[in-house]
């Protein structure tokens, strides 16, 4: 698992992303979710991890201006891309809802772009199945990357 913390400056919003989640780190994820008042964290995360592959979960809380994204192991780069896009979409919709941003506006598209740019540093490791990125994922496993 790799953890990435990002800050969306323009939106004053913090995001913690857990990539390639496995059962070893479940308690850390549940603790972080509970910190931003996801009272169903244990149920949501255990169900997610038990699905094993190609799944994700996003929780946001406007009081803390924070979100947590959890992405399980994926079976291929295209499955990662699909799960990644799906969870990024939830994040963008949560922020847009809390900030009253019209989802058909240019502002919303800037938000989506900001999220993608901030997450790219780590996400790119899972979008490619070449040996270089496989090695980088192994080297960074268990680390927090900023």
Protein backbone atom coordinates (compact mmCIF):
# COMPACT_ATOMS: atom_id res chain seq x y z
CA UNK A 1 0.00 0.00 0.00
CA UNK A 2 1.14 3.54 -0.74
CA UNK A 3 -0.30 6.58 1.03
CA UNK A 4 -0.42 9.97 -0.66
CA UNK A 5 -1.41 13.23 1.02
CA UNK A 6 -2.41 16.07 -1.28
CA UNK A 7 -3.68 19.56 -0.68
CA UNK A 8 -5.91 21.31 -3.19
CA UNK A 9 -4.80 24.91 -2.60
CA UNK A 10 -7.48 26.60 -4.68
CA UNK A 11 -10.19 24.73 -2.76
CA UNK A 12 -8.53 24.59 0.69
CA UNK A 13 -9.13 20.84 0.79
CA UNK A 14 -6.94 18.00 2.07
CA UNK A 15 -7.04 14.50 0.64
CA UNK A 16 -5.39 11.30 1.79
CA UNK A 17 -5.25 8.53 -0.80
CA UNK A 18 -4.55 4.89 0.04
CA UNK A 19 -3.43 3.00 -3.08
CA UNK A 20 -3.24 -0.79 -3.49
CA UNK A 21 -4.80 -1.42 -0.10
CA UNK A 22 -4.40 -4.74 1.62
CA UNK A 23 -5.58 -6.00 5.00
CA UNK A 24 -2.36 -5.13 6.85
CA UNK A 25 -3.26 -1.43 6.97
CA UNK A 26 -7.01 -1.68 7.62
CA UNK A 27 -6.81 -0.26 11.15
CA UNK A 28 -4.89 2.83 9.93
CA UNK A 29 -7.48 3.50 7.24
CA UNK A 30 -10.40 3.02 9.64
CA UNK A 31 -8.74 5.32 12.19
CA UNK A 32 -8.21 8.04 9.57
CA UNK A 33 -11.81 7.75 8.35
CA UNK A 34 -13.16 7.96 11.89
CA UNK A 35 -11.07 11.11 12.43
CA UNK A 36 -13.22 12.83 9.81
CA UNK A 37 -16.41 11.33 11.21
CA UNK A 38 -17.05 8.38 8.92
CA UNK A 39 -18.89 6.38 11.54
CA UNK A 40 -19.42 3.47 9.16
CA UNK A 41 -15.70 3.29 8.34
CA UNK A 42 -15.12 -0.21 9.61
CA UNK A 43 -18.07 -1.66 7.70
CA UNK A 44 -17.22 0.26 4.53
CA UNK A 45 -13.51 -0.56 4.50
CA UNK A 46 -13.84 -4.21 5.49
CA UNK A 47 -16.42 -4.73 2.76
CA UNK A 48 -14.15 -2.99 0.29
CA UNK A 49 -11.04 -4.98 1.12
CA UNK A 50 -12.99 -8.23 1.12
CA UNK A 51 -13.96 -7.52 -2.49
CA UNK A 52 -10.20 -7.94 -3.10
CA UNK A 53 -9.67 -6.24 -6.47
CA UNK A 54 -10.80 -3.28 -8.57
CA UNK A 55 -12.75 -1.42 -5.91
CA UNK A 56 -12.63 1.95 -4.21
CA UNK A 57 -14.24 4.16 -1.61
CA UNK A 58 -14.30 7.93 -1.08
CA UNK A 59 -15.50 9.76 2.02
CA UNK A 60 -15.51 13.53 2.50
CA UNK A 61 -16.48 15.83 5.34
CA UNK A 62 -16.98 19.57 4.79
CA UNK A 63 -16.37 20.44 8.45
CA UNK A 64 -12.78 19.23 8.14
CA UNK A 65 -12.44 20.17 4.46
CA UNK A 66 -10.96 16.71 4.04
CA UNK A 67 -11.47 13.51 2.09
CA UNK A 68 -10.08 10.00 2.11
CA UNK A 69 -9.88 7.80 -0.96
CA UNK A 70 -9.21 4.07 -0.72
CA UNK A 71 -8.28 2.08 -3.82
CA UNK A 72 -7.79 -1.68 -3.55
CA UNK A 73 -5.37 -3.73 -5.61
CA UNK A 74 -6.33 -3.76 -9.26
CA UNK A 75 -5.92 -6.49 -11.84
CA UNK A 76 -4.48 -4.34 -14.62
CA UNK A 77 -3.53 -0.75 -15.48
CA UNK A 78 -6.86 -0.19 -17.23
CA UNK A 79 -8.77 -1.47 -14.19
CA UNK A 80 -6.72 0.90 -12.03
CA UNK A 81 -7.55 3.78 -14.39
CA UNK A 82 -11.25 2.94 -14.16
CA UNK A 83 -11.27 2.76 -10.35
CA UNK A 84 -9.05 5.84 -10.09
CA UNK A 85 -11.33 7.90 -12.35
CA UNK A 86 -14.41 6.67 -10.50
CA UNK A 87 -13.06 7.71 -7.08
CA UNK A 88 -11.69 11.02 -8.42
CA UNK A 89 -15.19 11.65 -9.72
CA UNK A 90 -16.68 11.09 -6.27
CA UNK A 91 -14.12 13.44 -4.74
CA UNK A 92 -14.84 16.18 -7.28
CA UNK A 93 -18.60 15.80 -6.79
CA UNK A 94 -18.25 15.93 -2.98
CA UNK A 95 -16.20 19.13 -3.11
CA UNK A 96 -18.51 20.66 -5.73
CA UNK A 97 -21.54 19.85 -3.61
CA UNK A 98 -20.03 21.33 -0.45
CA UNK A 99 -18.78 24.43 -2.31
CA UNK A 100 -21.91 24.91 -4.46
CA UNK A 101 -19.95 24.55 -7.71
CA UNK A 102 -22.07 23.91 -10.80
CA UNK A 103 -20.89 20.56 -12.20
CA UNK A 104 -21.44 21.84 -15.74
CA UNK A 105 -19.17 24.84 -15.19
CA UNK A 106 -15.59 25.59 -16.15
CA UNK A 107 -14.85 25.91 -12.42
CA UNK A 108 -15.81 22.28 -11.91
CA UNK A 109 -13.47 21.21 -14.71
CA UNK A 110 -10.61 23.13 -13.08
CA UNK A 111 -11.36 21.26 -9.85
CA UNK A 112 -11.22 17.92 -11.69
CA UNK A 113 -7.93 18.95 -13.33
CA UNK A 114 -6.42 20.05 -10.01
CA UNK A 115 -7.29 16.69 -8.44
CA UNK A 116 -5.79 14.75 -11.34
CA UNK A 117 -2.55 16.76 -11.34
CA UNK A 118 -2.04 16.35 -7.60
CA UNK A 119 -2.70 12.60 -7.66
CA UNK A 120 -0.67 11.89 -10.80
CA UNK A 121 2.71 11.54 -9.04
CA UNK A 122 1.61 8.29 -7.41
CA UNK A 123 -1.24 7.20 -9.69
CA UNK A 124 1.10 6.95 -12.69
CA UNK A 125 2.87 4.05 -10.96
CA UNK A 126 -0.30 1.97 -11.34
CA UNK A 127 -1.23 3.12 -14.86
CA UNK A 128 1.72 1.36 -16.41
CA UNK A 129 2.72 -2.27 -16.07
CA UNK A 130 6.36 -1.83 -17.16
CA UNK A 131 9.16 -3.17 -14.97
CA UNK A 132 10.27 0.36 -13.96
CA UNK A 133 6.89 1.17 -12.39
CA UNK A 134 6.50 -2.28 -10.84
CA UNK A 135 9.83 -1.75 -9.07
CA UNK A 136 8.83 1.77 -7.95
CA UNK A 137 5.59 0.39 -6.47
CA UNK A 138 7.55 -2.26 -4.55
CA UNK A 139 10.13 0.25 -3.31
CA UNK A 140 7.40 2.65 -2.11
CA UNK A 141 5.15 -0.01 -0.57
CA UNK A 142 4.16 0.98 2.96
CA UNK A 143 5.39 4.55 2.50
CA UNK A 144 3.66 7.86 2.68
CA UNK A 145 4.39 9.90 -0.42
CA UNK A 146 3.66 13.60 -0.48
